[in-house]
């Protein structure tokens, strides 16, 4: 499974999500709000207003969502 993971520096929710993703059997494509200024507008256009943003083939969400992360392949 390929997951897009949009994050920013010094973000506790991003760090928590990253720790969970590191323990999963997924391929992660990292994108940074710090390195890609236009990514903020893209996130807002999709209805996301907090970091991180996680996009899977079947779902997408923002913020630290352990309820969503638990369903990812181990």
PDB file of N, CA and C in Angstrom:
ATOM      1  N   UNK A   1       0.856  -1.178   0.000  1.00  0.00           N
ATOM      2  CA  UNK A   1       0.000   0.000   0.000  1.00  0.00           C
ATOM      3  C   UNK A   1       0.894   1.231   0.000  1.00  0.00           C
ATOM      4  N   UNK A   2       0.566   2.187  -0.851  1.00  0.00           N
ATOM      5  CA  UNK A   2       1.294   3.450  -0.895  1.00  0.00           C
ATOM      6  C   UNK A   2       0.488   4.529  -0.177  1.00  0.00           C
ATOM      7  N   UNK A   3       1.159   5.268   0.688  1.00  0.00           N
ATOM      8  CA  UNK A   3       0.526   6.327   1.471  1.00  0.00           C
ATOM      9  C   UNK A   3       1.278   7.630   1.237  1.00  0.00           C
ATOM     10  N   UNK A   4       0.526   8.704   1.023  1.00  0.00           N
ATOM     11  CA  UNK A   4       1.136  10.035   1.004  1.00  0.00           C
ATOM     12  C   UNK A   4       1.037  10.594   2.415  1.00  0.00           C
ATOM     13  N   UNK A   5       2.155  11.138   2.896  1.00  0.00           N
ATOM     14  CA  UNK A   5       2.231  11.663   4.258  1.00  0.00           C
ATOM     15  C   UNK A   5       2.757  13.087   4.168  1.00  0.00           C
ATOM     16  N   UNK A   6       1.871  14.048   4.408  1.00  0.00           N
ATOM     17  CA  UNK A   6       2.210  15.469   4.337  1.00  0.00           C
ATOM     18  C   UNK A   6       2.438  15.960   5.762  1.00  0.00           C
ATOM     19  N   UNK A   7       3.579  16.558   5.993  1.00  0.00           N
ATOM     20  CA  UNK A   7       3.961  16.914   7.352  1.00  0.00           C
ATOM     21  C   UNK A   7       4.678  18.260   7.396  1.00  0.00           C
ATOM     22  N   UNK A   8       4.932  18.738   8.604  1.00  0.00           N
ATOM     23  CA  UNK A   8       5.718  19.954   8.796  1.00  0.00           C
ATOM     24  C   UNK A   8       6.640  19.744   9.992  1.00  0.00           C
ATOM     25  N   UNK A   9       7.682  20.551  10.079  1.00  0.00           N
ATOM     26  CA  UNK A   9       8.631  20.398  11.179  1.00  0.00           C
ATOM     27  C   UNK A   9       8.013  20.849  12.499  1.00  0.00           C
ATOM     28  N   UNK A  10       8.545  20.278  13.574  1.00  0.00           N
ATOM     29  CA  UNK A  10       8.111  20.614  14.938  1.00  0.00           C
ATOM     30  C   UNK A  10       6.611  20.422  15.146  1.00  0.00           C
ATOM     31  N   UNK A  11       6.067  19.375  14.570  1.00  0.00           N
ATOM     32  CA  UNK A  11       4.640  19.078  14.668  1.00  0.00           C
ATOM     33  C   UNK A  11       4.464  17.789  15.480  1.00  0.00           C
ATOM     34  N   UNK A  12       3.972  17.885  16.725  1.00  0.00           N
ATOM     35  CA  UNK A  12       3.806  16.690  17.549  1.00  0.00           C
ATOM     36  C   UNK A  12       2.866  15.648  16.929  1.00  0.00           C
ATOM     37  N   UNK A  13       1.801  16.107  16.288  1.00  0.00           N
ATOM     38  CA  UNK A  13       0.872  15.160  15.658  1.00  0.00           C
ATOM     39  C   UNK A  13       1.533  14.454  14.481  1.00  0.00           C
ATOM     40  N   UNK A  14       2.399  15.178  13.765  1.00  0.00           N
ATOM     41  CA  UNK A  14       3.145  14.578  12.650  1.00  0.00           C
ATOM     42  C   UNK A  14       4.101  13.517  13.176  1.00  0.00           C
ATOM     43  N   UNK A  15       4.791  13.828  14.265  1.00  0.00           N
ATOM     44  CA  UNK A  15       5.739  12.880  14.861  1.00  0.00           C
ATOM     45  C   UNK A  15       5.029  11.627  15.355  1.00  0.00           C
ATOM     46  N   UNK A  16       3.895  11.791  15.987  1.00  0.00           N
ATOM     47  CA  UNK A  16       3.132  10.632  16.482  1.00  0.00           C
ATOM     48  C   UNK A  16       2.654   9.763  15.329  1.00  0.00           C
ATOM     49  N   UNK A  17       2.152  10.396  14.291  1.00  0.00           N
ATOM     50  CA  UNK A  17       1.691   9.651  13.121  1.00  0.00           C
ATOM     51  C   UNK A  17       2.858   8.931  12.456  1.00  0.00           C
ATOM     52  N   UNK A  18       3.992   9.589  12.350  1.00  0.00           N
ATOM     53  CA  UNK A  18       5.174   8.997  11.738  1.00  0.00           C
ATOM     54  C   UNK A  18       5.621   7.748  12.487  1.00  0.00           C
ATOM     55  N   UNK A  19       5.602   7.790  13.801  1.00  0.00           N
ATOM     56  CA  UNK A  19       5.987   6.615  14.605  1.00  0.00           C
ATOM     57  C   UNK A  19       5.084   5.426  14.309  1.00  0.00           C
ATOM     58  N   UNK A  20       3.793   5.669  14.161  1.00  0.00           N
ATOM     59  CA  UNK A  20       2.863   4.577  13.852  1.00  0.00           C
ATOM     60  C   UNK A  20       3.109   4.068  12.428  1.00  0.00           C
ATOM     61  N   UNK A  21       3.273   4.972  11.477  1.00  0.00           N
ATOM     62  CA  UNK A  21       3.491   4.563  10.089  1.00  0.00           C
ATOM     63  C   UNK A  21       4.781   3.771   9.923  1.00  0.00           C
ATOM     64  N   UNK A  22       5.814   4.119  10.687  1.00  0.00           N
ATOM     65  CA  UNK A  22       7.089   3.408  10.592  1.00  0.00           C
ATOM     66  C   UNK A  22       6.951   1.934  10.963  1.00  0.00           C
ATOM     67  N   UNK A  23       5.963   1.603  11.756  1.00  0.00           N
ATOM     68  CA  UNK A  23       5.754   0.211  12.156  1.00  0.00           C
ATOM     69  C   UNK A  23       4.794  -0.543  11.258  1.00  0.00           C
ATOM     70  N   UNK A  24       4.404   0.042  10.145  1.00  0.00           N
ATOM     71  CA  UNK A  24       3.422  -0.579   9.250  1.00  0.00           C
ATOM     72  C   UNK A  24       4.075  -1.020   7.948  1.00  0.00           C
ATOM     73  N   UNK A  25       3.440  -1.972   7.287  1.00  0.00           N
ATOM     74  CA  UNK A  25       3.927  -2.482   5.999  1.00  0.00           C
ATOM     75  C   UNK A  25       3.330  -1.636   4.878  1.00  0.00           C
ATOM     76  N   UNK A  26       3.824  -0.405   4.770  1.00  0.00           N
ATOM     77  CA  UNK A  26       3.335   0.541   3.767  1.00  0.00           C
ATOM     78  C   UNK A  26       4.522   1.263   3.135  1.00  0.00           C
ATOM     79  N   UNK A  27       4.323   1.740   1.918  1.00  0.00           N
ATOM     80  CA  UNK A  27       5.300   2.594   1.253  1.00  0.00           C
ATOM     81  C   UNK A  27       4.844   4.027   1.463  1.00  0.00           C
ATOM     82  N   UNK A  28       5.729   4.867   1.975  1.00  0.00           N
ATOM     83  CA  UNK A  28       5.356   6.232   2.327  1.00  0.00           C
ATOM     84  C   UNK A  28       6.019   7.225   1.387  1.00  0.00           C
ATOM     85  N   UNK A  29       5.201   8.075   0.793  1.00  0.00           N
ATOM     86  CA  UNK A  29       5.691   9.199   0.012  1.00  0.00           C
ATOM     87  C   UNK A  29       5.567  10.429   0.893  1.00  0.00           C
ATOM     88  N   UNK A  30       6.702  10.983   1.295  1.00  0.00           N
ATOM     89  CA  UNK A  30       6.717  12.145   2.189  1.00  0.00           C
ATOM     90  C   UNK A  30       6.641  13.439   1.386  1.00  0.00           C
ATOM     91  N   UNK A  31       5.833  14.364   1.872  1.00  0.00           N
ATOM     92  CA  UNK A  31       5.780  15.725   1.334  1.00  0.00           C
ATOM     93  C   UNK A  31       5.801  16.671   2.519  1.00  0.00           C
ATOM     94  N   UNK A  32       6.440  17.812   2.339  1.00  0.00           N
ATOM     95  CA  UNK A  32       6.617  18.738   3.449  1.00  0.00           C
ATOM     96  C   UNK A  32       5.961  20.082   3.170  1.00  0.00           C
ATOM     97  N   UNK A  33       5.138  20.522   4.115  1.00  0.00           N
ATOM     98  CA  UNK A  33       4.555  21.857   4.009  1.00  0.00           C
ATOM     99  C   UNK A  33       5.642  22.921   4.043  1.00  0.00           C
ATOM    100  N   UNK A  34       6.754  22.628   4.717  1.00  0.00           N
ATOM    101  CA  UNK A  34       7.859  23.580   4.813  1.00  0.00           C
ATOM    102  C   UNK A  34       8.583  23.748   3.477  1.00  0.00           C
ATOM    103  N   UNK A  35       8.717  22.640   2.735  1.00  0.00           N
ATOM    104  CA  UNK A  35       9.457  22.666   1.476  1.00  0.00           C
ATOM    105  C   UNK A  35       8.595  23.000   0.266  1.00  0.00           C
ATOM    106  N   UNK A  36       7.290  22.796   0.383  1.00  0.00           N
ATOM    107  CA  UNK A  36       6.365  23.027  -0.728  1.00  0.00           C
ATOM    108  C   UNK A  36       5.273  24.007  -0.288  1.00  0.00           C
ATOM    109  N   UNK A  37       5.505  25.304  -0.411  1.00  0.00           N
ATOM    110  CA  UNK A  37       4.519  26.286   0.056  1.00  0.00           C
ATOM    111  C   UNK A  37       3.120  26.101  -0.555  1.00  0.00           C
ATOM    112  N   UNK A  38       3.034  25.662  -1.790  1.00  0.00           N
ATOM    113  CA  UNK A  38       1.733  25.455  -2.429  1.00  0.00           C
ATOM    114  C   UNK A  38       0.958  24.289  -1.860  1.00  0.00           C
ATOM    115  N   UNK A  39       1.623  23.447  -1.071  1.00  0.00           N
ATOM    116  CA  UNK A  39       0.959  22.292  -0.477  1.00  0.00           C
ATOM    117  C   UNK A  39      -0.104  22.708   0.528  1.00  0.00           C
ATOM    118  N   UNK A  40       0.093  23.824   1.178  1.00  0.00           N
ATOM    119  CA  UNK A  40      -0.912  24.333   2.121  1.00  0.00           C
ATOM    120  C   UNK A  40      -2.222  24.609   1.391  1.00  0.00           C
ATOM    121  N   UNK A  41      -2.132  25.265   0.239  1.00  0.00           N
ATOM    122  CA  UNK A  41      -3.340  25.553  -0.537  1.00  0.00           C
ATOM    123  C   UNK A  41      -3.998  24.265  -1.031  1.00  0.00           C
ATOM    124  N   UNK A  42      -3.181  23.306  -1.426  1.00  0.00           N
ATOM    125  CA  UNK A  42      -3.723  22.019  -1.879  1.00  0.00           C
ATOM    126  C   UNK A  42      -4.462  21.307  -0.744  1.00  0.00           C
ATOM    127  N   UNK A  43      -3.884  21.339   0.453  1.00  0.00           N
ATOM    128  CA  UNK A  43      -4.531  20.715   1.612  1.00  0.00           C
ATOM    129  C   UNK A  43      -5.863  21.402   1.920  1.00  0.00           C
ATOM    130  N   UNK A  44      -5.865  22.724   1.932  1.00  0.00           N
ATOM    131  CA  UNK A  44      -7.101  23.466   2.205  1.00  0.00           C
ATOM    132  C   UNK A  44      -8.166  23.179   1.160  1.00  0.00           C
ATOM    133  N   UNK A  45      -7.751  23.075  -0.108  1.00  0.00           N
ATOM    134  CA  UNK A  45      -8.705  22.785  -1.185  1.00  0.00           C
ATOM    135  C   UNK A  45      -9.354  21.410  -1.002  1.00  0.00           C
ATOM    136  N   UNK A  46      -8.635  20.504  -0.351  1.00  0.00           N
ATOM    137  CA  UNK A  46      -9.175  19.162  -0.089  1.00  0.00           C
ATOM    138  C   UNK A  46      -9.942  19.104   1.223  1.00  0.00           C
ATOM    139  N   UNK A  47     -10.001  20.219   1.945  1.00  0.00           N
ATOM    140  CA  UNK A  47     -10.751  20.273   3.195  1.00  0.00           C
ATOM    141  C   UNK A  47      -9.948  19.942   4.429  1.00  0.00           C
ATOM    142  N   UNK A  48      -8.615  19.953   4.329  1.00  0.00           N
ATOM    143  CA  UNK A  48      -7.754  19.650   5.472  1.00  0.00           C
ATOM    144  C   UNK A  48      -7.172  20.940   6.026  1.00  0.00           C
ATOM    145  N   UNK A  49      -7.282  21.102   7.334  1.00  0.00           N
ATOM    146  CA  UNK A  49      -6.836  22.348   7.964  1.00  0.00           C
ATOM    147  C   UNK A  49      -5.862  22.127   9.113  1.00  0.00           C
ATOM    148  N   UNK A  50      -5.315  20.915   9.229  1.00  0.00           N
ATOM    149  CA  UNK A  50      -4.287  20.650  10.225  1.00  0.00           C
ATOM    150  C   UNK A  50      -3.333  19.592   9.692  1.00  0.00           C
ATOM    151  N   UNK A  51      -2.144  19.594  10.250  1.00  0.00           N
ATOM    152  CA  UNK A  51      -1.135  18.604   9.864  1.00  0.00           C
ATOM    153  C   UNK A  51      -1.142  17.484  10.893  1.00  0.00           C
ATOM    154  N   UNK A  52      -0.733  16.297  10.492  1.00  0.00           N
ATOM    155  CA  UNK A  52      -0.346  15.899   9.157  1.00  0.00           C
ATOM    156  C   UNK A  52      -1.565  15.562   8.305  1.00  0.00           C
ATOM    157  N   UNK A  53      -1.316  15.372   7.030  1.00  0.00           N
ATOM    158  CA  UNK A  53      -2.332  14.851   6.116  1.00  0.00           C
ATOM    159  C   UNK A  53      -1.861  13.469   5.688  1.00  0.00           C
ATOM    160  N   UNK A  54      -2.748  12.499   5.766  1.00  0.00           N
ATOM    161  CA  UNK A  54      -2.449  11.130   5.345  1.00  0.00           C
ATOM    162  C   UNK A  54      -3.451  10.761   4.251  1.00  0.00           C
ATOM    163  N   UNK A  55      -2.914  10.303   3.123  1.00  0.00           N
ATOM    164  CA  UNK A  55      -3.765   9.911   2.002  1.00  0.00           C
ATOM    165  C   UNK A  55      -3.439   8.465   1.647  1.00  0.00           C
ATOM    166  N   UNK A  56      -4.434   7.590   1.764  1.00  0.00           N
ATOM    167  CA  UNK A  56      -4.293   6.192   1.393  1.00  0.00           C
ATOM    168  C   UNK A  56      -5.108   5.963   0.120  1.00  0.00           C
ATOM    169  N   UNK A  57      -5.008   4.777  -0.478  1.00  0.00           N
ATOM    170  CA  UNK A  57      -5.826   4.522  -1.675  1.00  0.00           C
ATOM    171  C   UNK A  57      -7.327   4.620  -1.418  1.00  0.00           C
ATOM    172  N   UNK A  58      -7.751   4.375  -0.173  1.00  0.00           N
ATOM    173  CA  UNK A  58      -9.183   4.333   0.135  1.00  0.00           C
ATOM    174  C   UNK A  58      -9.689   5.428   1.058  1.00  0.00           C
ATOM    175  N   UNK A  59      -8.793   6.248   1.601  1.00  0.00           N
ATOM    176  CA  UNK A  59      -9.207   7.217   2.613  1.00  0.00           C
ATOM    177  C   UNK A  59      -8.211   8.372   2.664  1.00  0.00           C
ATOM    178  N   UNK A  60      -8.590   9.428   3.322  1.00  0.00           N
ATOM    179  CA  UNK A  60      -7.705  10.572   3.548  1.00  0.00           C
ATOM    180  C   UNK A  60      -8.185  11.300   4.799  1.00  0.00           C
ATOM    181  N   UNK A  61      -7.220  11.794   5.580  1.00  0.00           N
ATOM    182  CA  UNK A  61      -7.571  12.521   6.799  1.00  0.00           C
ATOM    183  C   UNK A  61      -6.427  13.441   7.196  1.00  0.00           C
ATOM    184  N   UNK A  62      -6.729  14.318   8.154  1.00  0.00           N
ATOM    185  CA  UNK A  62      -5.692  15.193   8.700  1.00  0.00           C
ATOM    186  C   UNK A  62      -5.702  15.062  10.211  1.00  0.00           C
ATOM    187  N   UNK A  63      -4.552  15.419  10.802  1.00  0.00           N
ATOM    188  CA  UNK A  63      -4.406  15.308  12.243  1.00  0.00           C
ATOM    189  C   UNK A  63      -3.971  13.916  12.647  1.00  0.00           C
ATOM    190  N   UNK A  64      -3.691  13.740  13.915  1.00  0.00           N
ATOM    191  CA  UNK A  64      -3.310  12.435  14.441  1.00  0.00           C
ATOM    192  C   UNK A  64      -4.562  11.622  14.672  1.00  0.00           C
ATOM    193  N   UNK A  65      -4.722  10.534  13.904  1.00  0.00           N
ATOM    194  CA  UNK A  65      -5.938   9.722  13.946  1.00  0.00           C
ATOM    195  C   UNK A  65      -5.603   8.255  14.196  1.00  0.00           C
ATOM    196  N   UNK A  66      -5.345   7.882  15.459  1.00  0.00           N
ATOM    197  CA  UNK A  66      -5.022   6.483  15.729  1.00  0.00           C
ATOM    198  C   UNK A  66      -6.143   5.525  15.305  1.00  0.00           C
ATOM    199  N   UNK A  67      -7.392   6.002  15.321  1.00  0.00           N
ATOM    200  CA  UNK A  67      -8.496   5.171  14.888  1.00  0.00           C
ATOM    201  C   UNK A  67      -8.379   4.799  13.416  1.00  0.00           C
ATOM    202  N   UNK A  68      -7.802   5.671  12.594  1.00  0.00           N
ATOM    203  CA  UNK A  68      -7.595   5.374  11.172  1.00  0.00           C
ATOM    204  C   UNK A  68      -6.298   4.587  10.959  1.00  0.00           C
ATOM    205  N   UNK A  69      -5.256   4.928  11.710  1.00  0.00           N
ATOM    206  CA  UNK A  69      -3.959   4.287  11.547  1.00  0.00           C
ATOM    207  C   UNK A  69      -3.983   2.807  11.909  1.00  0.00           C
ATOM    208  N   UNK A  70      -4.845   2.428  12.847  1.00  0.00           N
ATOM    209  CA  UNK A  70      -4.912   1.044  13.299  1.00  0.00           C
ATOM    210  C   UNK A  70      -5.343   0.111  12.162  1.00  0.00           C
ATOM    211  N   UNK A  71      -6.044   0.611  11.174  1.00  0.00           N
ATOM    212  CA  UNK A  71      -6.522  -0.217  10.078  1.00  0.00           C
ATOM    213  C   UNK A  71      -5.515  -0.436   8.959  1.00  0.00           C
ATOM    214  N   UNK A  72      -4.335   0.198   9.051  1.00  0.00           N
ATOM    215  CA  UNK A  72      -3.317   0.037   8.012  1.00  0.00           C
ATOM    216  C   UNK A  72      -2.587  -1.294   8.171  1.00  0.00           C
ATOM    217  N   UNK A  73      -2.091  -1.847   7.060  1.00  0.00           N
ATOM    218  CA  UNK A  73      -1.392  -3.146   7.149  1.00  0.00           C
ATOM    219  C   UNK A  73      -0.210  -3.106   8.114  1.00  0.00           C
ATOM    220  N   UNK A  74      -0.054  -4.184   8.880  1.00  0.00           N
ATOM    221  CA  UNK A  74       1.061  -4.271   9.833  1.00  0.00           C
ATOM    222  C   UNK A  74       2.263  -4.925   9.201  1.00  0.00           C
TER     223      UNK A  74
END
